[in-house]
Amino acid sequence: PAAGLFALAGATGALAFGLRSQTRTVEVMQQATDPFGNPYTYTTTQRVTDRPYAAIGVGAVAAILVGGGVEAYRYARRTPARSRVSVHGKGNALVVRVALR
């Protein structure tokens, strides 16, 4: 349970890090025409918001989830079985039996 809790906390932190936005000001050159039809170029500033760490955050979440899945599989393989599921077909019916200890 503790490993799962740490994996959940790590994945949540990595997702929050990846979704963090950053606002910056950039200069943009634009073109327009004057009332006489002559084109001219001018510079203006714009605020741009992006998420520069999105790929890193998503990659970290994926790595944590895969690692947690592998650990859960290994843990399930080394502990004794506490339940058993069997599936049988009888004619047109499907029988599922679940035995819990």
PDB file of N, CA and C in Angstrom:
ATOM      1  N   PRO A   1       0.795  -1.213   0.000  1.00  0.00           N
ATOM      2  CA  PRO A   1       0.000   0.000   0.000  1.00  0.00           C
ATOM      3  C   PRO A   1       0.839   1.280   0.000  1.00  0.00           C
ATOM      4  N   ALA A   2       1.975   1.245   0.678  1.00  0.00           N
ATOM      5  CA  ALA A   2       2.809   2.449   0.747  1.00  0.00           C
ATOM      6  C   ALA A   2       3.410   2.767  -0.620  1.00  0.00           C
ATOM      7  N   ALA A   3       3.823   1.739  -1.355  1.00  0.00           N
ATOM      8  CA  ALA A   3       4.390   1.976  -2.685  1.00  0.00           C
ATOM      9  C   ALA A   3       3.339   2.576  -3.614  1.00  0.00           C
ATOM     10  N   GLY A   4       2.113   2.116  -3.510  1.00  0.00           N
ATOM     11  CA  GLY A   4       1.040   2.679  -4.324  1.00  0.00           C
ATOM     12  C   GLY A   4       0.758   4.124  -3.970  1.00  0.00           C
ATOM     13  N   LEU A   5       0.815   4.440  -2.680  1.00  0.00           N
ATOM     14  CA  LEU A   5       0.606   5.812  -2.238  1.00  0.00           C
ATOM     15  C   LEU A   5       1.720   6.731  -2.750  1.00  0.00           C
ATOM     16  N   PHE A   6       2.962   6.257  -2.688  1.00  0.00           N
ATOM     17  CA  PHE A   6       4.073   7.044  -3.213  1.00  0.00           C
ATOM     18  C   PHE A   6       3.970   7.214  -4.720  1.00  0.00           C
ATOM     19  N   ALA A   7       3.551   6.180  -5.421  1.00  0.00           N
ATOM     20  CA  ALA A   7       3.379   6.284  -6.871  1.00  0.00           C
ATOM     21  C   ALA A   7       2.281   7.284  -7.218  1.00  0.00           C
ATOM     22  N   LEU A   8       1.184   7.252  -6.477  1.00  0.00           N
ATOM     23  CA  LEU A   8       0.099   8.202  -6.710  1.00  0.00           C
ATOM     24  C   LEU A   8       0.556   9.636  -6.440  1.00  0.00           C
ATOM     25  N   ALA A   9       1.274   9.830  -5.352  1.00  0.00           N
ATOM     26  CA  ALA A   9       1.770  11.170  -5.024  1.00  0.00           C
ATOM     27  C   ALA A   9       2.774  11.651  -6.066  1.00  0.00           C
ATOM     28  N   GLY A  10       3.664  10.771  -6.500  1.00  0.00           N
ATOM     29  CA  GLY A  10       4.646  11.147  -7.520  1.00  0.00           C
ATOM     30  C   GLY A  10       3.998  11.468  -8.852  1.00  0.00           C
ATOM     31  N   ALA A  11       3.011  10.665  -9.255  1.00  0.00           N
ATOM     32  CA  ALA A  11       2.316  10.927 -10.512  1.00  0.00           C
ATOM     33  C   ALA A  11       1.523  12.231 -10.443  1.00  0.00           C
ATOM     34  N   THR A  12       0.916  12.504  -9.301  1.00  0.00           N
ATOM     35  CA  THR A  12       0.174  13.756  -9.137  1.00  0.00           C
ATOM     36  C   THR A  12       1.109  14.954  -9.201  1.00  0.00           C
ATOM     37  N   GLY A  13       2.244  14.844  -8.550  1.00  0.00           N
ATOM     38  CA  GLY A  13       3.227  15.933  -8.590  1.00  0.00           C
ATOM     39  C   GLY A  13       3.788  16.157  -9.982  1.00  0.00           C
ATOM     40  N   ALA A  14       4.082  15.076 -10.700  1.00  0.00           N
ATOM     41  CA  ALA A  14       4.603  15.201 -12.059  1.00  0.00           C
ATOM     42  C   ALA A  14       3.560  15.804 -12.995  1.00  0.00           C
ATOM     43  N   LEU A  15       2.299  15.432 -12.815  1.00  0.00           N
ATOM     44  CA  LEU A  15       1.233  15.994 -13.639  1.00  0.00           C
ATOM     45  C   LEU A  15       1.053  17.488 -13.343  1.00  0.00           C
ATOM     46  N   ALA A  16       1.102  17.860 -12.079  1.00  0.00           N
ATOM     47  CA  ALA A  16       0.989  19.282 -11.718  1.00  0.00           C
ATOM     48  C   ALA A  16       2.163  20.077 -12.289  1.00  0.00           C
ATOM     49  N   PHE A  17       3.353  19.500 -12.258  1.00  0.00           N
ATOM     50  CA  PHE A  17       4.533  20.155 -12.829  1.00  0.00           C
ATOM     51  C   PHE A  17       4.372  20.329 -14.339  1.00  0.00           C
ATOM     52  N   GLY A  18       3.861  19.308 -15.026  1.00  0.00           N
ATOM     53  CA  GLY A  18       3.696  19.374 -16.468  1.00  0.00           C
ATOM     54  C   GLY A  18       2.606  20.335 -16.904  1.00  0.00           C
ATOM     55  N   LEU A  19       1.568  20.513 -16.102  1.00  0.00           N
ATOM     56  CA  LEU A  19       0.463  21.386 -16.466  1.00  0.00           C
ATOM     57  C   LEU A  19       0.691  22.845 -16.081  1.00  0.00           C
ATOM     58  N   ARG A  20       1.802  23.128 -15.437  1.00  0.00           N
ATOM     59  CA  ARG A  20       2.107  24.499 -15.032  1.00  0.00           C
ATOM     60  C   ARG A  20       2.312  25.378 -16.269  1.00  0.00           C
ATOM     61  N   SER A  21       1.646  26.508 -16.311  1.00  0.00           N
ATOM     62  CA  SER A  21       1.756  27.391 -17.468  1.00  0.00           C
ATOM     63  C   SER A  21       2.743  28.518 -17.188  1.00  0.00           C
ATOM     64  N   GLN A  22       3.270  29.067 -18.291  1.00  0.00           N
ATOM     65  CA  GLN A  22       4.232  30.152 -18.186  1.00  0.00           C
ATOM     66  C   GLN A  22       3.816  31.237 -19.177  1.00  0.00           C
ATOM     67  N   THR A  23       3.719  32.473 -18.726  1.00  0.00           N
ATOM     68  CA  THR A  23       3.345  33.590 -19.581  1.00  0.00           C
ATOM     69  C   THR A  23       4.577  34.444 -19.829  1.00  0.00           C
ATOM     70  N   ARG A  24       4.781  34.818 -21.091  1.00  0.00           N
ATOM     71  CA  ARG A  24       5.912  35.661 -21.447  1.00  0.00           C
ATOM     72  C   ARG A  24       5.466  36.655 -22.509  1.00  0.00           C
ATOM     73  N   THR A  25       6.253  37.698 -22.690  1.00  0.00           N
ATOM     74  CA  THR A  25       5.953  38.729 -23.675  1.00  0.00           C
ATOM     75  C   THR A  25       6.916  38.577 -24.848  1.00  0.00           C
ATOM     76  N   VAL A  26       6.367  38.552 -26.071  1.00  0.00           N
ATOM     77  CA  VAL A  26       7.196  38.423 -27.272  1.00  0.00           C
ATOM     78  C   VAL A  26       6.876  39.583 -28.213  1.00  0.00           C
ATOM     79  N   GLU A  27       7.873  39.946 -29.015  1.00  0.00           N
ATOM     80  CA  GLU A  27       7.677  40.969 -30.039  1.00  0.00           C
ATOM     81  C   GLU A  27       7.326  40.276 -31.344  1.00  0.00           C
ATOM     82  N   VAL A  28       6.281  40.780 -31.991  1.00  0.00           N
ATOM     83  CA  VAL A  28       5.801  40.175 -33.226  1.00  0.00           C
ATOM     84  C   VAL A  28       5.778  41.247 -34.314  1.00  0.00           C
ATOM     85  N   MET A  29       6.333  40.909 -35.481  1.00  0.00           N
ATOM     86  CA  MET A  29       6.280  41.823 -36.614  1.00  0.00           C
ATOM     87  C   MET A  29       5.020  41.517 -37.416  1.00  0.00           C
ATOM     88  N   GLN A  30       4.259  42.555 -37.732  1.00  0.00           N
ATOM     89  CA  GLN A  30       3.029  42.389 -38.490  1.00  0.00           C
ATOM     90  C   GLN A  30       3.038  43.325 -39.685  1.00  0.00           C
ATOM     91  N   GLN A  31       2.228  42.993 -40.673  1.00  0.00           N
ATOM     92  CA  GLN A  31       2.126  43.822 -41.859  1.00  0.00           C
ATOM     93  C   GLN A  31       0.711  44.365 -41.983  1.00  0.00           C
ATOM     94  N   ALA A  32       0.610  45.563 -42.510  1.00  0.00           N
ATOM     95  CA  ALA A  32      -0.684  46.193 -42.738  1.00  0.00           C
ATOM     96  C   ALA A  32      -0.555  47.117 -43.950  1.00  0.00           C
ATOM     97  N   THR A  33      -1.644  47.685 -44.358  1.00  0.00           N
ATOM     98  CA  THR A  33      -1.628  48.659 -45.457  1.00  0.00           C
ATOM     99  C   THR A  33      -2.192  49.984 -44.948  1.00  0.00           C
ATOM    100  N   ASP A  34      -1.607  51.060 -45.440  1.00  0.00           N
ATOM    101  CA  ASP A  34      -2.096  52.380 -45.053  1.00  0.00           C
ATOM    102  C   ASP A  34      -3.323  52.748 -45.900  1.00  0.00           C
ATOM    103  N   PRO A  35      -3.959  53.867 -45.617  1.00  0.00           N
ATOM    104  CA  PRO A  35      -5.164  54.238 -46.375  1.00  0.00           C
ATOM    105  C   PRO A  35      -4.932  54.405 -47.885  1.00  0.00           C
ATOM    106  N   PHE A  36      -3.669  54.570 -48.290  1.00  0.00           N
ATOM    107  CA  PHE A  36      -3.374  54.742 -49.712  1.00  0.00           C
ATOM    108  C   PHE A  36      -3.015  53.423 -50.386  1.00  0.00           C
ATOM    109  N   GLY A  37      -3.052  52.309 -49.649  1.00  0.00           N
ATOM    110  CA  GLY A  37      -2.771  50.991 -50.218  1.00  0.00           C
ATOM    111  C   GLY A  37      -1.319  50.577 -50.161  1.00  0.00           C
ATOM    112  N   ASN A  38      -0.482  51.323 -49.491  1.00  0.00           N
ATOM    113  CA  ASN A  38       0.936  50.984 -49.380  1.00  0.00           C
ATOM    114  C   ASN A  38       1.149  50.046 -48.188  1.00  0.00           C
ATOM    115  N   PRO A  39       1.860  48.916 -48.402  1.00  0.00           N
ATOM    116  CA  PRO A  39       2.114  48.010 -47.270  1.00  0.00           C
ATOM    117  C   PRO A  39       3.229  48.559 -46.377  1.00  0.00           C
ATOM    118  N   TYR A  40       3.102  48.294 -45.094  1.00  0.00           N
ATOM    119  CA  TYR A  40       4.163  48.649 -44.149  1.00  0.00           C
ATOM    120  C   TYR A  40       4.223  47.595 -43.054  1.00  0.00           C
ATOM    121  N   THR A  41       5.353  47.542 -42.372  1.00  0.00           N
ATOM    122  CA  THR A  41       5.600  46.573 -41.313  1.00  0.00           C
ATOM    123  C   THR A  41       5.756  47.316 -39.988  1.00  0.00           C
ATOM    124  N   TYR A  42       5.175  46.772 -38.949  1.00  0.00           N
ATOM    125  CA  TYR A  42       5.308  47.362 -37.620  1.00  0.00           C
ATOM    126  C   TYR A  42       5.498  46.244 -36.590  1.00  0.00           C
ATOM    127  N   THR A  43       6.009  46.629 -35.445  1.00  0.00           N
ATOM    128  CA  THR A  43       6.282  45.672 -34.375  1.00  0.00           C
ATOM    129  C   THR A  43       5.332  45.928 -33.213  1.00  0.00           C
ATOM    130  N   THR A  44       4.795  44.859 -32.661  1.00  0.00           N
ATOM    131  CA  THR A  44       3.914  44.951 -31.502  1.00  0.00           C
ATOM    132  C   THR A  44       4.318  43.875 -30.499  1.00  0.00           C
ATOM    133  N   THR A  45       3.896  44.019 -29.269  1.00  0.00           N
ATOM    134  CA  THR A  45       4.179  43.006 -28.258  1.00  0.00           C
ATOM    135  C   THR A  45       2.900  42.250 -27.928  1.00  0.00           C
ATOM    136  N   GLN A  46       3.057  40.955 -27.699  1.00  0.00           N
ATOM    137  CA  GLN A  46       1.932  40.103 -27.337  1.00  0.00           C
ATOM    138  C   GLN A  46       2.323  39.222 -26.166  1.00  0.00           C
ATOM    139  N   ARG A  47       1.337  38.914 -25.339  1.00  0.00           N
ATOM    140  CA  ARG A  47       1.562  37.981 -24.233  1.00  0.00           C
ATOM    141  C   ARG A  47       1.212  36.580 -24.719  1.00  0.00           C
ATOM    142  N   VAL A  48       2.119  35.648 -24.504  1.00  0.00           N
ATOM    143  CA  VAL A  48       1.943  34.267 -24.944  1.00  0.00           C
ATOM    144  C   VAL A  48       1.994  33.367 -23.713  1.00  0.00           C
ATOM    145  N   THR A  49       1.017  32.476 -23.589  1.00  0.00           N
ATOM    146  CA  THR A  49       0.986  31.508 -22.496  1.00  0.00           C
ATOM    147  C   THR A  49       1.169  30.117 -23.080  1.00  0.00           C
ATOM    148  N   ASP A  50       2.124  29.381 -22.544  1.00  0.00           N
ATOM    149  CA  ASP A  50       2.347  28.011 -23.005  1.00  0.00           C
ATOM    150  C   ASP A  50       2.726  27.127 -21.827  1.00  0.00           C
ATOM    151  N   ARG A  51       2.855  25.841 -22.096  1.00  0.00           N
ATOM    152  CA  ARG A  51       3.228  24.859 -21.076  1.00  0.00           C
ATOM    153  C   ARG A  51       4.543  24.200 -21.507  1.00  0.00           C
ATOM    154  N   PRO A  52       5.677  24.800 -21.130  1.00  0.00           N
ATOM    155  CA  PRO A  52       6.962  24.302 -21.620  1.00  0.00           C
ATOM    156  C   PRO A  52       7.376  22.947 -21.019  1.00  0.00           C
ATOM    157  N   TYR A  53       6.768  22.542 -19.914  1.00  0.00           N
ATOM    158  CA  TYR A  53       7.169  21.294 -19.261  1.00  0.00           C
ATOM    159  C   TYR A  53       6.139  20.180 -19.436  1.00  0.00           C
ATOM    160  N   ALA A  54       5.217  20.324 -20.387  1.00  0.00           N
ATOM    161  CA  ALA A  54       4.143  19.337 -20.562  1.00  0.00           C
ATOM    162  C   ALA A  54       4.691  17.973 -20.955  1.00  0.00           C
ATOM    163  N   ALA A  55       5.619  17.923 -21.893  1.00  0.00           N
ATOM    164  CA  ALA A  55       6.156  16.635 -22.348  1.00  0.00           C
ATOM    165  C   ALA A  55       6.919  15.934 -21.226  1.00  0.00           C
ATOM    166  N   ILE A  56       7.679  16.691 -20.469  1.00  0.00           N
ATOM    167  CA  ILE A  56       8.440  16.102 -19.359  1.00  0.00           C
ATOM    168  C   ILE A  56       7.484  15.566 -18.294  1.00  0.00           C
ATOM    169  N   GLY A  57       6.445  16.329 -17.959  1.00  0.00           N
ATOM    170  CA  GLY A  57       5.475  15.889 -16.951  1.00  0.00           C
ATOM    171  C   GLY A  57       4.723  14.645 -17.371  1.00  0.00           C
ATOM    172  N   VAL A  58       4.264  14.607 -18.625  1.00  0.00           N
ATOM    173  CA  VAL A  58       3.532  13.434 -19.114  1.00  0.00           C
ATOM    174  C   VAL A  58       4.454  12.212 -19.173  1.00  0.00           C
ATOM    175  N   GLY A  59       5.690  12.410 -19.585  1.00  0.00           N
ATOM    176  CA  GLY A  59       6.651  11.303 -19.603  1.00  0.00           C
ATOM    177  C   GLY A  59       6.918  10.757 -18.210  1.00  0.00           C
ATOM    178  N   ALA A  60       7.045  11.646 -17.237  1.00  0.00           N
ATOM    179  CA  ALA A  60       7.270  11.205 -15.856  1.00  0.00           C
ATOM    180  C   ALA A  60       6.062  10.455 -15.316  1.00  0.00           C
ATOM    181  N   VAL A  61       4.851  10.936 -15.626  1.00  0.00           N
ATOM    182  CA  VAL A  61       3.635  10.238 -15.182  1.00  0.00           C
ATOM    183  C   VAL A  61       3.578   8.850 -15.804  1.00  0.00           C
ATOM    184  N   ALA A  62       3.894   8.742 -17.089  1.00  0.00           N
ATOM    185  CA  ALA A  62       3.878   7.437 -17.755  1.00  0.00           C
ATOM    186  C   ALA A  62       4.900   6.487 -17.130  1.00  0.00           C
ATOM    187  N   ALA A  63       6.089   6.985 -16.854  1.00  0.00           N
ATOM    188  CA  ALA A  63       7.125   6.139 -16.246  1.00  0.00           C
ATOM    189  C   ALA A  63       6.711   5.677 -14.850  1.00  0.00           C
ATOM    190  N   ILE A  64       6.123   6.569 -14.068  1.00  0.00           N
ATOM    191  CA  ILE A  64       5.684   6.207 -12.715  1.00  0.00           C
ATOM    192  C   ILE A  64       4.566   5.176 -12.773  1.00  0.00           C
ATOM    193  N   LEU A  65       3.605   5.360 -13.688  1.00  0.00           N
ATOM    194  CA  LEU A  65       2.502   4.408 -13.797  1.00  0.00           C
ATOM    195  C   LEU A  65       2.968   3.038 -14.274  1.00  0.00           C
ATOM    196  N   VAL A  66       3.887   2.996 -15.229  1.00  0.00           N
ATOM    197  CA  VAL A  66       4.416   1.705 -15.691  1.00  0.00           C
ATOM    198  C   VAL A  66       5.201   1.042 -14.564  1.00  0.00           C
ATOM    199  N   GLY A  67       6.025   1.817 -13.869  1.00  0.00           N
ATOM    200  CA  GLY A  67       6.776   1.254 -12.744  1.00  0.00           C
ATOM    201  C   GLY A  67       5.866   0.740 -11.642  1.00  0.00           C
ATOM    202  N   GLY A  68       4.813   1.479 -11.338  1.00  0.00           N
ATOM    203  CA  GLY A  68       3.843   1.033 -10.330  1.00  0.00           C
ATOM    204  C   GLY A  68       3.110  -0.224 -10.771  1.00  0.00           C
ATOM    205  N   GLY A  69       2.780  -0.318 -12.053  1.00  0.00           N
ATOM    206  CA  GLY A  69       2.124  -1.521 -12.567  1.00  0.00           C
ATOM    207  C   GLY A  69       3.026  -2.742 -12.490  1.00  0.00           C
ATOM    208  N   VAL A  70       4.295  -2.569 -12.817  1.00  0.00           N
ATOM    209  CA  VAL A  70       5.251  -3.680 -12.716  1.00  0.00           C
ATOM    210  C   VAL A  70       5.409  -4.111 -11.266  1.00  0.00           C
ATOM    211  N   GLU A  71       5.523  -3.159 -10.359  1.00  0.00           N
ATOM    212  CA  GLU A  71       5.646  -3.493  -8.932  1.00  0.00           C
ATOM    213  C   GLU A  71       4.393  -4.196  -8.422  1.00  0.00           C
ATOM    214  N   ALA A  72       3.225  -3.751  -8.825  1.00  0.00           N
ATOM    215  CA  ALA A  72       1.986  -4.413  -8.406  1.00  0.00           C
ATOM    216  C   ALA A  72       1.925  -5.840  -8.938  1.00  0.00           C
ATOM    217  N   TYR A  73       2.352  -6.048 -10.173  1.00  0.00           N
ATOM    218  CA  TYR A  73       2.383  -7.396 -10.746  1.00  0.00           C
ATOM    219  C   TYR A  73       3.346  -8.296  -9.970  1.00  0.00           C
ATOM    220  N   ARG A  74       4.539  -7.784  -9.685  1.00  0.00           N
ATOM    221  CA  ARG A  74       5.522  -8.582  -8.926  1.00  0.00           C
ATOM    222  C   ARG A  74       5.004  -8.912  -7.526  1.00  0.00           C
ATOM    223  N   TYR A  75       4.368  -7.947  -6.885  1.00  0.00           N
ATOM    224  CA  TYR A  75       3.823  -8.176  -5.550  1.00  0.00           C
ATOM    225  C   TYR A  75       2.725  -9.234  -5.600  1.00  0.00           C
ATOM    226  N   ALA A  76       1.871  -9.166  -6.595  1.00  0.00           N
ATOM    227  CA  ALA A  76       0.788 -10.145  -6.723  1.00  0.00           C
ATOM    228  C   ALA A  76       1.335 -11.541  -6.997  1.00  0.00           C
ATOM    229  N   ARG A  77       2.451 -11.646  -7.713  1.00  0.00           N
ATOM    230  CA  ARG A  77       3.035 -12.959  -8.011  1.00  0.00           C
ATOM    231  C   ARG A  77       3.695 -13.596  -6.787  1.00  0.00           C
ATOM    232  N   ARG A  78       4.254 -12.792  -5.886  1.00  0.00           N
ATOM    233  CA  ARG A  78       4.978 -13.377  -4.757  1.00  0.00           C
ATOM    234  C   ARG A  78       4.116 -13.593  -3.513  1.00  0.00           C
ATOM    235  N   THR A  79       2.894 -13.080  -3.486  1.00  0.00           N
ATOM    236  CA  THR A  79       2.008 -13.324  -2.348  1.00  0.00           C
ATOM    237  C   THR A  79       1.085 -14.491  -2.665  1.00  0.00           C
ATOM    238  N   PRO A  80       0.675 -15.246  -1.661  1.00  0.00           N
ATOM    239  CA  PRO A  80      -0.213 -16.377  -1.920  1.00  0.00           C
ATOM    240  C   PRO A  80      -1.573 -15.896  -2.424  1.00  0.00           C
ATOM    241  N   ALA A  81      -2.154 -16.724  -3.271  1.00  0.00           N
ATOM    242  CA  ALA A  81      -3.447 -16.369  -3.864  1.00  0.00           C
ATOM    243  C   ALA A  81      -4.529 -16.351  -2.788  1.00  0.00           C
ATOM    244  N   ARG A  82      -5.321 -15.295  -2.791  1.00  0.00           N
ATOM    245  CA  ARG A  82      -6.408 -15.194  -1.830  1.00  0.00           C
ATOM    246  C   ARG A  82      -7.759 -15.366  -2.508  1.00  0.00           C
ATOM    247  N   SER A  83      -7.756 -15.332  -3.796  1.00  0.00           N
ATOM    248  CA  SER A  83      -9.000 -15.543  -4.523  1.00  0.00           C
ATOM    249  C   SER A  83      -8.710 -16.354  -5.784  1.00  0.00           C
ATOM    250  N   ARG A  84      -9.751 -16.932  -6.310  1.00  0.00           N
ATOM    251  CA  ARG A  84      -9.597 -17.736  -7.503  1.00  0.00           C
ATOM    252  C   ARG A  84     -10.805 -17.486  -8.397  1.00  0.00           C
ATOM    253  N   VAL A  85     -10.545 -17.280  -9.674  1.00  0.00           N
ATOM    254  CA  VAL A  85     -11.608 -17.041 -10.639  1.00  0.00           C
ATOM    255  C   VAL A  85     -11.494 -18.101 -11.716  1.00  0.00           C
ATOM    256  N   SER A  86     -12.616 -18.737 -12.022  1.00  0.00           N
ATOM    257  CA  SER A  86     -12.638 -19.717 -13.111  1.00  0.00           C
ATOM    258  C   SER A  86     -13.837 -19.421 -14.006  1.00  0.00           C
ATOM    259  N   VAL A  87     -13.621 -19.612 -15.299  1.00  0.00           N
ATOM    260  CA  VAL A  87     -14.663 -19.346 -16.281  1.00  0.00           C
ATOM    261  C   VAL A  87     -14.889 -20.623 -17.078  1.00  0.00           C
ATOM    262  N   HIS A  88     -16.144 -21.058 -17.179  1.00  0.00           N
ATOM    263  CA  HIS A  88     -16.493 -22.267 -17.917  1.00  0.00           C
ATOM    264  C   HIS A  88     -17.686 -21.973 -18.809  1.00  0.00           C
ATOM    265  N   GLY A  89     -17.695 -22.601 -19.968  1.00  0.00           N
ATOM    266  CA  GLY A  89     -18.840 -22.477 -20.853  1.00  0.00           C
ATOM    267  C   GLY A  89     -19.669 -23.745 -20.804  1.00  0.00           C
ATOM    268  N   LYS A  90     -20.976 -23.603 -20.657  1.00  0.00           N
ATOM    269  CA  LYS A  90     -21.897 -24.735 -20.659  1.00  0.00           C
ATOM    270  C   LYS A  90     -23.001 -24.432 -21.671  1.00  0.00           C
ATOM    271  N   GLY A  91     -22.927 -25.050 -22.806  1.00  0.00           N
ATOM    272  CA  GLY A  91     -23.940 -24.811 -23.833  1.00  0.00           C
ATOM    273  C   GLY A  91     -23.902 -23.367 -24.280  1.00  0.00           C
ATOM    274  N   ASN A  92     -25.009 -22.673 -24.124  1.00  0.00           N
ATOM    275  CA  ASN A  92     -25.092 -21.262 -24.496  1.00  0.00           C
ATOM    276  C   ASN A  92     -24.827 -20.337 -23.314  1.00  0.00           C
ATOM    277  N   ALA A  93     -24.454 -20.886 -22.162  1.00  0.00           N
ATOM    278  CA  ALA A  93     -24.248 -20.078 -20.960  1.00  0.00           C
ATOM    279  C   ALA A  93     -22.764 -20.010 -20.608  1.00  0.00           C
ATOM    280  N   LEU A  94     -22.397 -18.946 -19.977  1.00  0.00           N
ATOM    281  CA  LEU A  94     -21.048 -18.745 -19.486  1.00  0.00           C
ATOM    282  C   LEU A  94     -21.107 -18.700 -17.959  1.00  0.00           C
ATOM    283  N   VAL A  95     -20.347 -19.574 -17.311  1.00  0.00           N
ATOM    284  CA  VAL A  95     -20.364 -19.662 -15.837  1.00  0.00           C
ATOM    285  C   VAL A  95     -19.057 -19.094 -15.316  1.00  0.00           C
ATOM    286  N   VAL A  96     -19.166 -18.125 -14.415  1.00  0.00           N
ATOM    287  CA  VAL A  96     -17.993 -17.536 -13.776  1.00  0.00           C
ATOM    288  C   VAL A  96     -18.086 -17.831 -12.295  1.00  0.00           C
ATOM    289  N   ARG A  97     -17.028 -18.455 -11.757  1.00  0.00           N
ATOM    290  CA  ARG A  97     -16.988 -18.771 -10.329  1.00  0.00           C
ATOM    291  C   ARG A  97     -15.864 -17.960  -9.690  1.00  0.00           C
ATOM    292  N   VAL A  98     -16.190 -17.337  -8.572  1.00  0.00           N
ATOM    293  CA  VAL A  98     -15.212 -16.570  -7.821  1.00  0.00           C
ATOM    294  C   VAL A  98     -15.163 -17.141  -6.426  1.00  0.00           C
ATOM    295  N   ALA A  99     -13.983 -17.600  -6.012  1.00  0.00           N
ATOM    296  CA  ALA A  99     -13.805 -18.170  -4.680  1.00  0.00           C
ATOM    297  C   ALA A  99     -12.882 -17.246  -3.888  1.00  0.00           C
ATOM    298  N   LEU A 100     -13.346 -16.713  -2.787  1.00  0.00           N
ATOM    299  CA  LEU A 100     -12.555 -15.844  -1.917  1.00  0.00           C
ATOM    300  C   LEU A 100     -12.175 -16.602  -0.651  1.00  0.00           C
ATOM    301  N   ARG A 101     -10.942 -16.458  -0.213  1.00  0.00           N
ATOM    302  CA  ARG A 101     -10.488 -17.111   1.015  1.00  0.00           C
ATOM    303  C   ARG A 101     -10.338 -16.094   2.105  1.00  0.00           C
TER     304      ARG A 101
END
